[in-house]
Structure formats: structure tokens, C-alpha cells
Amino acid sequence: MDELLKKLIAQAKKKYINEFSKDFKTRLNERGLTLEDIIKSGGKIREDIIKERGLL
């Protein structure tokens, strides 16, 4: 019974992750963005915060 429960939970998690991934990609496409755009903007935000705090 425990093995069956573990398999069902694993399948549910995988399904959730796959659906989230599809939704995320759809939203990116709607906004004309790519993952690279998000990564670049995150890097710039990080750099700005570091400069603001005087750590760079």
C-alpha cells in the first residue's frame, strides 16, 4: 500500500510540475519574453541591489 501511495504522489507531483511549466511558457510567450530575458533581468536587478548596498 505504501508503494502504491508513493507512486501516486510522485505521479501527481510530476503532473503538477509539467502543467506549471506549460502555463509558465504560455505566459512568457503572451508577453513576448524568453527564459533568457528573465535571467538577464534578474542579473541586472541583482547587480543594482549590490551596487545600492555598496557591496560591489
PDB file of N, CA and C in Angstrom:
ATOM      1  N   MET A   1       0.823  -1.194   0.000  1.00  0.00           N
ATOM      2  CA  MET A   1       0.000   0.000   0.000  1.00  0.00           C
ATOM      3  C   MET A   1       0.866   1.256   0.000  1.00  0.00           C
ATOM      4  N   ASP A   2       1.946   1.252   0.789  1.00  0.00           N
ATOM      5  CA  ASP A   2       2.825   2.418   0.842  1.00  0.00           C
ATOM      6  C   ASP A   2       3.470   2.687  -0.513  1.00  0.00           C
ATOM      7  N   GLU A   3       3.865   1.629  -1.211  1.00  0.00           N
ATOM      8  CA  GLU A   3       4.490   1.792  -2.525  1.00  0.00           C
ATOM      9  C   GLU A   3       3.506   2.404  -3.517  1.00  0.00           C
ATOM     10  N   LEU A   4       2.278   1.949  -3.479  1.00  0.00           N
ATOM     11  CA  LEU A   4       1.253   2.491  -4.366  1.00  0.00           C
ATOM     12  C   LEU A   4       1.024   3.971  -4.072  1.00  0.00           C
ATOM     13  N   LEU A   5       0.952   4.308  -2.815  1.00  0.00           N
ATOM     14  CA  LEU A   5       0.764   5.696  -2.411  1.00  0.00           C
ATOM     15  C   LEU A   5       1.936   6.555  -2.869  1.00  0.00           C
ATOM     16  N   LYS A   6       3.154   6.055  -2.704  1.00  0.00           N
ATOM     17  CA  LYS A   6       4.346   6.781  -3.148  1.00  0.00           C
ATOM     18  C   LYS A   6       4.302   7.022  -4.653  1.00  0.00           C
ATOM     19  N   LYS A   7       3.903   5.999  -5.409  1.00  0.00           N
ATOM     20  CA  LYS A   7       3.827   6.143  -6.866  1.00  0.00           C
ATOM     21  C   LYS A   7       2.769   7.162  -7.264  1.00  0.00           C
ATOM     22  N   LEU A   8       1.630   7.133  -6.599  1.00  0.00           N
ATOM     23  CA  LEU A   8       0.565   8.088  -6.900  1.00  0.00           C
ATOM     24  C   LEU A   8       0.992   9.520  -6.584  1.00  0.00           C
ATOM     25  N   ILE A   9       1.672   9.693  -5.471  1.00  0.00           N
ATOM     26  CA  ILE A   9       2.160  11.025  -5.095  1.00  0.00           C
ATOM     27  C   ILE A   9       3.193  11.509  -6.102  1.00  0.00           C
ATOM     28  N   ALA A  10       4.106  10.637  -6.509  1.00  0.00           N
ATOM     29  CA  ALA A  10       5.132  11.002  -7.490  1.00  0.00           C
ATOM     30  C   ALA A  10       4.496  11.395  -8.818  1.00  0.00           C
ATOM     31  N   GLN A  11       3.490  10.657  -9.244  1.00  0.00           N
ATOM     32  CA  GLN A  11       2.802  10.979 -10.495  1.00  0.00           C
ATOM     33  C   GLN A  11       2.087  12.323 -10.398  1.00  0.00           C
ATOM     34  N   ALA A  12       1.461  12.579  -9.268  1.00  0.00           N
ATOM     35  CA  ALA A  12       0.753  13.847  -9.075  1.00  0.00           C
ATOM     36  C   ALA A  12       1.728  15.020  -9.089  1.00  0.00           C
ATOM     37  N   LYS A  13       2.876  14.852  -8.452  1.00  0.00           N
ATOM     38  CA  LYS A  13       3.888  15.911  -8.445  1.00  0.00           C
ATOM     39  C   LYS A  13       4.397  16.172  -9.853  1.00  0.00           C
ATOM     40  N   LYS A  14       4.674  15.108 -10.587  1.00  0.00           N
ATOM     41  CA  LYS A  14       5.179  15.252 -11.954  1.00  0.00           C
ATOM     42  C   LYS A  14       4.151  15.965 -12.829  1.00  0.00           C
ATOM     43  N   LYS A  15       2.886  15.590 -12.690  1.00  0.00           N
ATOM     44  CA  LYS A  15       1.819  16.223 -13.463  1.00  0.00           C
ATOM     45  C   LYS A  15       1.724  17.706 -13.124  1.00  0.00           C
ATOM     46  N   TYR A  16       1.810  18.044 -11.841  1.00  0.00           N
ATOM     47  CA  TYR A  16       1.742  19.441 -11.412  1.00  0.00           C
ATOM     48  C   TYR A  16       2.898  20.245 -11.999  1.00  0.00           C
ATOM     49  N   ILE A  17       4.091  19.692 -11.941  1.00  0.00           N
ATOM     50  CA  ILE A  17       5.269  20.381 -12.473  1.00  0.00           C
ATOM     51  C   ILE A  17       5.132  20.587 -13.975  1.00  0.00           C
ATOM     52  N   ASN A  18       4.677  19.569 -14.686  1.00  0.00           N
ATOM     53  CA  ASN A  18       4.502  19.685 -16.133  1.00  0.00           C
ATOM     54  C   ASN A  18       3.463  20.744 -16.491  1.00  0.00           C
ATOM     55  N   GLU A  19       2.348  20.776 -15.762  1.00  0.00           N
ATOM     56  CA  GLU A  19       1.309  21.773 -16.017  1.00  0.00           C
ATOM     57  C   GLU A  19       1.814  23.177 -15.705  1.00  0.00           C
ATOM     58  N   PHE A  20       2.555  23.324 -14.609  1.00  0.00           N
ATOM     59  CA  PHE A  20       3.115  24.626 -14.255  1.00  0.00           C
ATOM     60  C   PHE A  20       4.062  25.091 -15.351  1.00  0.00           C
ATOM     61  N   SER A  21       4.895  24.184 -15.837  1.00  0.00           N
ATOM     62  CA  SER A  21       5.853  24.515 -16.887  1.00  0.00           C
ATOM     63  C   SER A  21       5.138  24.983 -18.153  1.00  0.00           C
ATOM     64  N   LYS A  22       4.082  24.286 -18.540  1.00  0.00           N
ATOM     65  CA  LYS A  22       3.323  24.672 -19.733  1.00  0.00           C
ATOM     66  C   LYS A  22       2.683  26.041 -19.545  1.00  0.00           C
ATOM     67  N   ASP A  23       2.078  26.274 -18.380  1.00  0.00           N
ATOM     68  CA  ASP A  23       1.452  27.567 -18.091  1.00  0.00           C
ATOM     69  C   ASP A  23       2.483  28.687 -18.095  1.00  0.00           C
ATOM     70  N   PHE A  24       3.640  28.432 -17.510  1.00  0.00           N
ATOM     71  CA  PHE A  24       4.698  29.437 -17.439  1.00  0.00           C
ATOM     72  C   PHE A  24       5.177  29.799 -18.841  1.00  0.00           C
ATOM     73  N   LYS A  25       5.407  28.789 -19.668  1.00  0.00           N
ATOM     74  CA  LYS A  25       5.855  29.038 -21.045  1.00  0.00           C
ATOM     75  C   LYS A  25       4.798  29.804 -21.833  1.00  0.00           C
ATOM     76  N   THR A  26       3.531  29.476 -21.617  1.00  0.00           N
ATOM     77  CA  THR A  26       2.443  30.179 -22.296  1.00  0.00           C
ATOM     78  C   THR A  26       2.432  31.647 -21.899  1.00  0.00           C
ATOM     79  N   ARG A  27       2.579  31.919 -20.616  1.00  0.00           N
ATOM     80  CA  ARG A  27       2.585  33.309 -20.140  1.00  0.00           C
ATOM     81  C   ARG A  27       3.786  34.075 -20.677  1.00  0.00           C
ATOM     82  N   LEU A  28       4.933  33.418 -20.757  1.00  0.00           N
ATOM     83  CA  LEU A  28       6.105  34.070 -21.335  1.00  0.00           C
ATOM     84  C   LEU A  28       5.841  34.444 -22.787  1.00  0.00           C
ATOM     85  N   ASN A  29       5.297  33.505 -23.545  1.00  0.00           N
ATOM     86  CA  ASN A  29       5.012  33.756 -24.958  1.00  0.00           C
ATOM     87  C   ASN A  29       3.998  34.877 -25.133  1.00  0.00           C
ATOM     88  N   GLU A  30       2.996  34.943 -24.263  1.00  0.00           N
ATOM     89  CA  GLU A  30       1.994  36.008 -24.333  1.00  0.00           C
ATOM     90  C   GLU A  30       2.632  37.374 -24.153  1.00  0.00           C
ATOM     91  N   ARG A  31       3.676  37.434 -23.356  1.00  0.00           N
ATOM     92  CA  ARG A  31       4.354  38.705 -23.087  1.00  0.00           C
ATOM     93  C   ARG A  31       5.554  38.925 -24.000  1.00  0.00           C
ATOM     94  N   GLY A  32       5.813  37.981 -24.891  1.00  0.00           N
ATOM     95  CA  GLY A  32       6.937  38.113 -25.815  1.00  0.00           C
ATOM     96  C   GLY A  32       8.279  37.981 -25.122  1.00  0.00           C
ATOM     97  N   LEU A  33       8.344  37.186 -24.078  1.00  0.00           N
ATOM     98  CA  LEU A  33       9.578  37.013 -23.319  1.00  0.00           C
ATOM     99  C   LEU A  33      10.127  35.604 -23.485  1.00  0.00           C
ATOM    100  N   THR A  34      11.401  35.458 -23.135  1.00  0.00           N
ATOM    101  CA  THR A  34      12.037  34.143 -23.094  1.00  0.00           C
ATOM    102  C   THR A  34      12.638  33.958 -21.709  1.00  0.00           C
ATOM    103  N   LEU A  35      13.039  32.745 -21.414  1.00  0.00           N
ATOM    104  CA  LEU A  35      13.711  32.498 -20.136  1.00  0.00           C
ATOM    105  C   LEU A  35      14.998  33.302 -20.048  1.00  0.00           C
ATOM    106  N   GLU A  36      15.679  33.452 -21.178  1.00  0.00           N
ATOM    107  CA  GLU A  36      16.918  34.232 -21.191  1.00  0.00           C
ATOM    108  C   GLU A  36      16.657  35.677 -20.782  1.00  0.00           C
ATOM    109  N   ASP A  37      15.532  36.245 -21.244  1.00  0.00           N
ATOM    110  CA  ASP A  37      15.169  37.615 -20.865  1.00  0.00           C
ATOM    111  C   ASP A  37      14.991  37.736 -19.356  1.00  0.00           C
ATOM    112  N   ILE A  38      14.334  36.769 -18.769  1.00  0.00           N
ATOM    113  CA  ILE A  38      14.097  36.788 -17.323  1.00  0.00           C
ATOM    114  C   ILE A  38      15.406  36.642 -16.566  1.00  0.00           C
ATOM    115  N   ILE A  39      16.265  35.756 -17.033  1.00  0.00           N
ATOM    116  CA  ILE A  39      17.562  35.554 -16.380  1.00  0.00           C
ATOM    117  C   ILE A  39      18.394  36.824 -16.455  1.00  0.00           C
ATOM    118  N   LYS A  40      18.410  37.463 -17.622  1.00  0.00           N
ATOM    119  CA  LYS A  40      19.173  38.708 -17.784  1.00  0.00           C
ATOM    120  C   LYS A  40      18.631  39.806 -16.875  1.00  0.00           C
ATOM    121  N   SER A  41      17.304  39.946 -16.816  1.00  0.00           N
ATOM    122  CA  SER A  41      16.731  40.999 -15.976  1.00  0.00           C
ATOM    123  C   SER A  41      17.001  40.715 -14.502  1.00  0.00           C
ATOM    124  N   GLY A  42      16.983  39.434 -14.120  1.00  0.00           N
ATOM    125  CA  GLY A  42      17.306  39.073 -12.738  1.00  0.00           C
ATOM    126  C   GLY A  42      18.740  39.417 -12.391  1.00  0.00           C
ATOM    127  N   GLY A  43      19.641  39.198 -13.335  1.00  0.00           N
ATOM    128  CA  GLY A  43      21.046  39.539 -13.126  1.00  0.00           C
ATOM    129  C   GLY A  43      21.231  41.035 -12.966  1.00  0.00           C
ATOM    130  N   LYS A  44      20.510  41.815 -13.775  1.00  0.00           N
ATOM    131  CA  LYS A  44      20.607  43.271 -13.681  1.00  0.00           C
ATOM    132  C   LYS A  44      20.051  43.755 -12.346  1.00  0.00           C
ATOM    133  N   ILE A  45      18.928  43.206 -11.928  1.00  0.00           N
ATOM    134  CA  ILE A  45      18.340  43.587 -10.637  1.00  0.00           C
ATOM    135  C   ILE A  45      19.309  43.264  -9.507  1.00  0.00           C
ATOM    136  N   ARG A  46      19.910  42.089  -9.567  1.00  0.00           N
ATOM    137  CA  ARG A  46      20.885  41.680  -8.543  1.00  0.00           C
ATOM    138  C   ARG A  46      22.064  42.653  -8.513  1.00  0.00           C
ATOM    139  N   GLU A  47      22.560  42.997  -9.692  1.00  0.00           N
ATOM    140  CA  GLU A  47      23.691  43.927  -9.787  1.00  0.00           C
ATOM    141  C   GLU A  47      23.321  45.291  -9.210  1.00  0.00           C
ATOM    142  N   ASP A  48      22.115  45.774  -9.518  1.00  0.00           N
ATOM    143  CA  ASP A  48      21.661  47.067  -8.991  1.00  0.00           C
ATOM    144  C   ASP A  48      21.569  47.047  -7.467  1.00  0.00           C
ATOM    145  N   ILE A  49      21.066  45.958  -6.909  1.00  0.00           N
ATOM    146  CA  ILE A  49      20.951  45.840  -5.451  1.00  0.00           C
ATOM    147  C   ILE A  49      22.334  45.835  -4.812  1.00  0.00           C
ATOM    148  N   ILE A  50      23.257  45.099  -5.395  1.00  0.00           N
ATOM    149  CA  ILE A  50      24.622  45.031  -4.855  1.00  0.00           C
ATOM    150  C   ILE A  50      25.270  46.409  -4.897  1.00  0.00           C
ATOM    151  N   LYS A  51      25.099  47.125  -6.002  1.00  0.00           N
ATOM    152  CA  LYS A  51      25.658  48.479  -6.108  1.00  0.00           C
ATOM    153  C   LYS A  51      25.030  49.403  -5.073  1.00  0.00           C
ATOM    154  N   GLU A  52      23.712  49.305  -4.923  1.00  0.00           N
ATOM    155  CA  GLU A  52      22.985  50.153  -3.981  1.00  0.00           C
ATOM    156  C   GLU A  52      23.469  49.942  -2.553  1.00  0.00           C
ATOM    157  N   ARG A  53      23.771  48.715  -2.217  1.00  0.00           N
ATOM    158  CA  ARG A  53      24.224  48.401  -0.861  1.00  0.00           C
ATOM    159  C   ARG A  53      25.722  48.598  -0.691  1.00  0.00           C
ATOM    160  N   GLY A  54      26.391  48.975  -1.757  1.00  0.00           N
ATOM    161  CA  GLY A  54      27.821  49.233  -1.676  1.00  0.00           C
ATOM    162  C   GLY A  54      28.666  47.988  -1.523  1.00  0.00           C
ATOM    163  N   LEU A  55      28.179  46.871  -2.007  1.00  0.00           N
ATOM    164  CA  LEU A  55      28.920  45.624  -1.882  1.00  0.00           C
ATOM    165  C   LEU A  55      29.795  45.351  -3.098  1.00  0.00           C
ATOM    166  N   LEU A  56      29.671  46.183  -4.124  1.00  0.00           N
ATOM    167  CA  LEU A  56      30.440  45.947  -5.347  1.00  0.00           C
ATOM    168  C   LEU A  56      31.431  47.044  -5.577  1.00  0.00           C
TER     169      LEU A  56
END
